[in-house]
Amino acid sequence: MKPAEIFQLTTTELLLSIANGSIDPVLLAKAELANRGLDSKGTYVGFINADNHFFPEGRPTVEQL
């Protein structure tokens, strides 16, 4: 899937939240990469290292995502 096509599968409600700044898609992507234990190059570094890589000040809470 091409990056430009990803939003074709996205609900209108989610698109509106992103467009209106209620949701930060970059933050969500970083959280998902950390959940997979990956760094910004896609290399597996483990969950703790990935968290530290993306969130050196501490992982955001679910409410902040």
PDB file of N, CA and C in Angstrom:
ATOM      1  N   MET A   1       0.839  -1.176   0.000  1.00  0.00           N
ATOM      2  CA  MET A   1       0.000   0.000   0.000  1.00  0.00           C
ATOM      3  C   MET A   1       0.888   1.245   0.000  1.00  0.00           C
ATOM      4  N   LYS A   2       0.550   2.167  -0.836  1.00  0.00           N
ATOM      5  CA  LYS A   2       1.281   3.430  -0.900  1.00  0.00           C
ATOM      6  C   LYS A   2       0.826   4.342   0.239  1.00  0.00           C
ATOM      7  N   PRO A   3       1.741   5.139   0.794  1.00  0.00           N
ATOM      8  CA  PRO A   3       1.372   6.023   1.912  1.00  0.00           C
ATOM      9  C   PRO A   3       0.166   6.920   1.601  1.00  0.00           C
ATOM     10  N   ALA A   4       0.070   7.408   0.380  1.00  0.00           N
ATOM     11  CA  ALA A   4      -1.039   8.294   0.026  1.00  0.00           C
ATOM     12  C   ALA A   4      -2.382   7.568   0.045  1.00  0.00           C
ATOM     13  N   GLU A   5      -2.356   6.236  -0.027  1.00  0.00           N
ATOM     14  CA  GLU A   5      -3.588   5.460  -0.060  1.00  0.00           C
ATOM     15  C   GLU A   5      -4.089   5.058   1.327  1.00  0.00           C
ATOM     16  N   ILE A   6      -3.282   5.215   2.350  1.00  0.00           N
ATOM     17  CA  ILE A   6      -3.639   4.732   3.681  1.00  0.00           C
ATOM     18  C   ILE A   6      -4.910   5.382   4.203  1.00  0.00           C
ATOM     19  N   PHE A   7      -5.126   6.644   3.908  1.00  0.00           N
ATOM     20  CA  PHE A   7      -6.286   7.343   4.437  1.00  0.00           C
ATOM     21  C   PHE A   7      -7.581   6.972   3.727  1.00  0.00           C
ATOM     22  N   GLN A   8      -7.495   6.259   2.611  1.00  0.00           N
ATOM     23  CA  GLN A   8      -8.708   5.785   1.949  1.00  0.00           C
ATOM     24  C   GLN A   8      -9.440   4.779   2.828  1.00  0.00           C
ATOM     25  N   LEU A   9      -8.722   4.110   3.702  1.00  0.00           N
ATOM     26  CA  LEU A   9      -9.308   3.109   4.590  1.00  0.00           C
ATOM     27  C   LEU A   9      -9.659   3.674   5.961  1.00  0.00           C
ATOM     28  N   THR A  10      -9.416   4.954   6.155  1.00  0.00           N
ATOM     29  CA  THR A  10      -9.594   5.599   7.445  1.00  0.00           C
ATOM     30  C   THR A  10     -10.993   6.188   7.563  1.00  0.00           C
ATOM     31  N   THR A  11     -11.586   6.048   8.737  1.00  0.00           N
ATOM     32  CA  THR A  11     -12.927   6.599   8.942  1.00  0.00           C
ATOM     33  C   THR A  11     -12.898   8.126   8.870  1.00  0.00           C
ATOM     34  N   THR A  12     -14.014   8.693   8.513  1.00  0.00           N
ATOM     35  CA  THR A  12     -14.136  10.152   8.445  1.00  0.00           C
ATOM     36  C   THR A  12     -13.879  10.769   9.808  1.00  0.00           C
ATOM     37  N   GLU A  13     -14.379  10.135  10.862  1.00  0.00           N
ATOM     38  CA  GLU A  13     -14.190  10.655  12.212  1.00  0.00           C
ATOM     39  C   GLU A  13     -12.706  10.769  12.555  1.00  0.00           C
ATOM     40  N   LEU A  14     -11.936   9.745  12.228  1.00  0.00           N
ATOM     41  CA  LEU A  14     -10.499   9.780  12.499  1.00  0.00           C
ATOM     42  C   LEU A  14      -9.805  10.834  11.637  1.00  0.00           C
ATOM     43  N   LEU A  15     -10.167  10.922  10.372  1.00  0.00           N
ATOM     44  CA  LEU A  15      -9.580  11.936   9.489  1.00  0.00           C
ATOM     45  C   LEU A  15      -9.849  13.340  10.015  1.00  0.00           C
ATOM     46  N   LEU A  16     -11.070  13.578  10.484  1.00  0.00           N
ATOM     47  CA  LEU A  16     -11.405  14.893  11.032  1.00  0.00           C
ATOM     48  C   LEU A  16     -10.593  15.189  12.289  1.00  0.00           C
ATOM     49  N   SER A  17     -10.397  14.192  13.135  1.00  0.00           N
ATOM     50  CA  SER A  17      -9.605  14.385  14.350  1.00  0.00           C
ATOM     51  C   SER A  17      -8.157  14.729  14.020  1.00  0.00           C
ATOM     52  N   ILE A  18      -7.614  14.078  13.001  1.00  0.00           N
ATOM     53  CA  ILE A  18      -6.246  14.386  12.562  1.00  0.00           C
ATOM     54  C   ILE A  18      -6.194  15.784  11.961  1.00  0.00           C
ATOM     55  N   ALA A  19      -7.132  16.092  11.068  1.00  0.00           N
ATOM     56  CA  ALA A  19      -7.149  17.391  10.382  1.00  0.00           C
ATOM     57  C   ALA A  19      -7.348  18.552  11.352  1.00  0.00           C
ATOM     58  N   ASN A  20      -8.104  18.310  12.417  1.00  0.00           N
ATOM     59  CA  ASN A  20      -8.376  19.363  13.393  1.00  0.00           C
ATOM     60  C   ASN A  20      -7.342  19.419  14.512  1.00  0.00           C
ATOM     61  N   GLY A  21      -6.337  18.546  14.453  1.00  0.00           N
ATOM     62  CA  GLY A  21      -5.262  18.574  15.433  1.00  0.00           C
ATOM     63  C   GLY A  21      -5.573  17.884  16.746  1.00  0.00           C
ATOM     64  N   SER A  22      -6.687  17.167  16.822  1.00  0.00           N
ATOM     65  CA  SER A  22      -7.025  16.450  18.049  1.00  0.00           C
ATOM     66  C   SER A  22      -6.168  15.208  18.235  1.00  0.00           C
ATOM     67  N   ILE A  23      -5.685  14.655  17.130  1.00  0.00           N
ATOM     68  CA  ILE A  23      -4.855  13.460  17.150  1.00  0.00           C
ATOM     69  C   ILE A  23      -3.572  13.764  16.386  1.00  0.00           C
ATOM     70  N   ASP A  24      -2.445  13.343  16.952  1.00  0.00           N
ATOM     71  CA  ASP A  24      -1.148  13.525  16.305  1.00  0.00           C
ATOM     72  C   ASP A  24      -0.738  12.202  15.661  1.00  0.00           C
ATOM     73  N   PRO A  25      -0.861  12.072  14.333  1.00  0.00           N
ATOM     74  CA  PRO A  25      -0.535  10.799  13.687  1.00  0.00           C
ATOM     75  C   PRO A  25       0.941  10.417  13.808  1.00  0.00           C
ATOM     76  N   VAL A  26       1.831  11.389  13.922  1.00  0.00           N
ATOM     77  CA  VAL A  26       3.257  11.091  14.089  1.00  0.00           C
ATOM     78  C   VAL A  26       3.492  10.452  15.455  1.00  0.00           C
ATOM     79  N   LEU A  27       2.865  10.993  16.468  1.00  0.00           N
ATOM     80  CA  LEU A  27       2.985  10.420  17.813  1.00  0.00           C
ATOM     81  C   LEU A  27       2.427   9.003  17.851  1.00  0.00           C
ATOM     82  N   LEU A  28       1.295   8.784  17.181  1.00  0.00           N
ATOM     83  CA  LEU A  28       0.710   7.443  17.128  1.00  0.00           C
ATOM     84  C   LEU A  28       1.629   6.462  16.411  1.00  0.00           C
ATOM     85  N   ALA A  29       2.260   6.910  15.330  1.00  0.00           N
ATOM     86  CA  ALA A  29       3.179   6.038  14.593  1.00  0.00           C
ATOM     87  C   ALA A  29       4.386   5.679  15.454  1.00  0.00           C
ATOM     88  N   LYS A  30       4.910   6.655  16.183  1.00  0.00           N
ATOM     89  CA  LYS A  30       6.050   6.385  17.070  1.00  0.00           C
ATOM     90  C   LYS A  30       5.660   5.402  18.167  1.00  0.00           C
ATOM     91  N   ALA A  31       4.476   5.573  18.722  1.00  0.00           N
ATOM     92  CA  ALA A  31       4.012   4.659  19.766  1.00  0.00           C
ATOM     93  C   ALA A  31       3.859   3.243  19.222  1.00  0.00           C
ATOM     94  N   GLU A  32       3.345   3.117  18.014  1.00  0.00           N
ATOM     95  CA  GLU A  32       3.181   1.785  17.426  1.00  0.00           C
ATOM     96  C   GLU A  32       4.527   1.139  17.125  1.00  0.00           C
ATOM     97  N   LEU A  33       5.480   1.913  16.625  1.00  0.00           N
ATOM     98  CA  LEU A  33       6.821   1.371  16.400  1.00  0.00           C
ATOM     99  C   LEU A  33       7.442   0.908  17.717  1.00  0.00           C
ATOM    100  N   ALA A  34       7.279   1.712  18.762  1.00  0.00           N
ATOM    101  CA  ALA A  34       7.801   1.325  20.072  1.00  0.00           C
ATOM    102  C   ALA A  34       7.109   0.060  20.579  1.00  0.00           C
ATOM    103  N   ASN A  35       5.801  -0.053  20.331  1.00  0.00           N
ATOM    104  CA  ASN A  35       5.068  -1.260  20.727  1.00  0.00           C
ATOM    105  C   ASN A  35       5.601  -2.505  20.021  1.00  0.00           C
ATOM    106  N   ARG A  36       6.179  -2.317  18.850  1.00  0.00           N
ATOM    107  CA  ARG A  36       6.762  -3.426  18.093  1.00  0.00           C
ATOM    108  C   ARG A  36       8.233  -3.636  18.423  1.00  0.00           C
ATOM    109  N   GLY A  37       8.787  -2.746  19.250  1.00  0.00           N
ATOM    110  CA  GLY A  37      10.185  -2.861  19.637  1.00  0.00           C
ATOM    111  C   GLY A  37      11.150  -2.385  18.564  1.00  0.00           C
ATOM    112  N   LEU A  38      10.686  -1.504  17.676  1.00  0.00           N
ATOM    113  CA  LEU A  38      11.502  -1.042  16.551  1.00  0.00           C
ATOM    114  C   LEU A  38      11.981   0.384  16.773  1.00  0.00           C
ATOM    115  N   ASP A  39      13.160   0.706  16.206  1.00  0.00           N
ATOM    116  CA  ASP A  39      13.644   2.081  16.234  1.00  0.00           C
ATOM    117  C   ASP A  39      13.191   2.797  14.963  1.00  0.00           C
ATOM    118  N   SER A  40      13.691   3.998  14.734  1.00  0.00           N
ATOM    119  CA  SER A  40      13.244   4.796  13.586  1.00  0.00           C
ATOM    120  C   SER A  40      13.767   4.293  12.242  1.00  0.00           C
ATOM    121  N   LYS A  41      14.642   3.282  12.278  1.00  0.00           N
ATOM    122  CA  LYS A  41      15.117   2.657  11.038  1.00  0.00           C
ATOM    123  C   LYS A  41      14.428   1.314  10.791  1.00  0.00           C
ATOM    124  N   GLY A  42      13.556   0.912  11.717  1.00  0.00           N
ATOM    125  CA  GLY A  42      12.866  -0.355  11.585  1.00  0.00           C
ATOM    126  C   GLY A  42      13.649  -1.540  12.119  1.00  0.00           C
ATOM    127  N   THR A  43      14.724  -1.254  12.830  1.00  0.00           N
ATOM    128  CA  THR A  43      15.549  -2.304  13.421  1.00  0.00           C
ATOM    129  C   THR A  43      14.969  -2.694  14.775  1.00  0.00           C
ATOM    130  N   TYR A  44      14.884  -4.005  15.008  1.00  0.00           N
ATOM    131  CA  TYR A  44      14.390  -4.453  16.302  1.00  0.00           C
ATOM    132  C   TYR A  44      15.441  -4.146  17.366  1.00  0.00           C
ATOM    133  N   VAL A  45      15.028  -3.363  18.375  1.00  0.00           N
ATOM    134  CA  VAL A  45      15.929  -2.981  19.462  1.00  0.00           C
ATOM    135  C   VAL A  45      15.372  -3.386  20.823  1.00  0.00           C
ATOM    136  N   GLY A  46      14.186  -3.967  20.835  1.00  0.00           N
ATOM    137  CA  GLY A  46      13.526  -4.335  22.086  1.00  0.00           C
ATOM    138  C   GLY A  46      12.600  -3.223  22.545  1.00  0.00           C
ATOM    139  N   PHE A  47      11.661  -3.603  23.381  1.00  0.00           N
ATOM    140  CA  PHE A  47      10.605  -2.665  23.768  1.00  0.00           C
ATOM    141  C   PHE A  47      11.106  -1.506  24.622  1.00  0.00           C
ATOM    142  N   ILE A  48      11.967  -1.779  25.569  1.00  0.00           N
ATOM    143  CA  ILE A  48      12.462  -0.711  26.438  1.00  0.00           C
ATOM    144  C   ILE A  48      13.325   0.262  25.647  1.00  0.00           C
ATOM    145  N   ASN A  49      14.232  -0.263  24.809  1.00  0.00           N
ATOM    146  CA  ASN A  49      15.082   0.618  23.996  1.00  0.00           C
ATOM    147  C   ASN A  49      14.260   1.424  23.000  1.00  0.00           C
ATOM    148  N   ALA A  50      13.234   0.813  22.432  1.00  0.00           N
ATOM    149  CA  ALA A  50      12.380   1.544  21.485  1.00  0.00           C
ATOM    150  C   ALA A  50      11.631   2.660  22.196  1.00  0.00           C
ATOM    151  N   ASP A  51      11.104   2.369  23.386  1.00  0.00           N
ATOM    152  CA  ASP A  51      10.443   3.419  24.171  1.00  0.00           C
ATOM    153  C   ASP A  51      11.411   4.566  24.442  1.00  0.00           C
ATOM    154  N   ASN A  52      12.617   4.233  24.872  1.00  0.00           N
ATOM    155  CA  ASN A  52      13.614   5.266  25.173  1.00  0.00           C
ATOM    156  C   ASN A  52      14.022   6.037  23.921  1.00  0.00           C
ATOM    157  N   HIS A  53      14.046   5.365  22.793  1.00  0.00           N
ATOM    158  CA  HIS A  53      14.411   6.001  21.530  1.00  0.00           C
ATOM    159  C   HIS A  53      13.382   7.063  21.133  1.00  0.00           C
ATOM    160  N   PHE A  54      12.114   6.691  21.168  1.00  0.00           N
ATOM    161  CA  PHE A  54      11.060   7.607  20.715  1.00  0.00           C
ATOM    162  C   PHE A  54      10.590   8.562  21.797  1.00  0.00           C
ATOM    163  N   PHE A  55      10.679   8.134  23.043  1.00  0.00           N
ATOM    164  CA  PHE A  55      10.138   8.935  24.147  1.00  0.00           C
ATOM    165  C   PHE A  55      11.159   9.079  25.277  1.00  0.00           C
ATOM    166  N   PRO A  56      12.252   9.815  25.034  1.00  0.00           N
ATOM    167  CA  PRO A  56      13.300   9.950  26.060  1.00  0.00           C
ATOM    168  C   PRO A  56      12.791  10.620  27.341  1.00  0.00           C
ATOM    169  N   GLU A  57      11.736  11.391  27.239  1.00  0.00           N
ATOM    170  CA  GLU A  57      11.159  12.055  28.413  1.00  0.00           C
ATOM    171  C   GLU A  57      10.095  11.195  29.086  1.00  0.00           C
ATOM    172  N   GLY A  58       9.850  10.018  28.539  1.00  0.00           N
ATOM    173  CA  GLY A  58       8.818   9.135  29.077  1.00  0.00           C
ATOM    174  C   GLY A  58       7.689   8.957  28.085  1.00  0.00           C
ATOM    175  N   ARG A  59       7.162   7.766  28.052  1.00  0.00           N
ATOM    176  CA  ARG A  59       6.090   7.430  27.120  1.00  0.00           C
ATOM    177  C   ARG A  59       4.824   8.205  27.479  1.00  0.00           C
ATOM    178  N   PRO A  60       4.133   8.741  26.468  1.00  0.00           N
ATOM    179  CA  PRO A  60       2.882   9.449  26.746  1.00  0.00           C
ATOM    180  C   PRO A  60       1.801   8.474  27.238  1.00  0.00           C
ATOM    181  N   THR A  61       0.865   8.994  27.985  1.00  0.00           N
ATOM    182  CA  THR A  61      -0.241   8.169  28.444  1.00  0.00           C
ATOM    183  C   THR A  61      -1.188   7.906  27.279  1.00  0.00           C
ATOM    184  N   VAL A  62      -2.066   6.961  27.456  1.00  0.00           N
ATOM    185  CA  VAL A  62      -3.044   6.639  26.412  1.00  0.00           C
ATOM    186  C   VAL A  62      -3.882   7.861  26.073  1.00  0.00           C
ATOM    187  N   GLU A  63      -4.216   8.644  27.076  1.00  0.00           N
ATOM    188  CA  GLU A  63      -5.034   9.852  26.844  1.00  0.00           C
ATOM    189  C   GLU A  63      -4.295  10.886  25.995  1.00  0.00           C
ATOM    190  N   GLN A  64      -2.957  10.874  26.052  1.00  0.00           N
ATOM    191  CA  GLN A  64      -2.174  11.844  25.279  1.00  0.00           C
ATOM    192  C   GLN A  64      -2.004  11.416  23.829  1.00  0.00           C
ATOM    193  N   LEU A  65      -2.241  10.159  23.540  1.00  0.00           N
ATOM    194  CA  LEU A  65      -2.070   9.674  22.162  1.00  0.00           C
ATOM    195  C   LEU A  65      -3.251  10.028  21.298  1.00  0.00           C
TER     196      LEU A  65
END
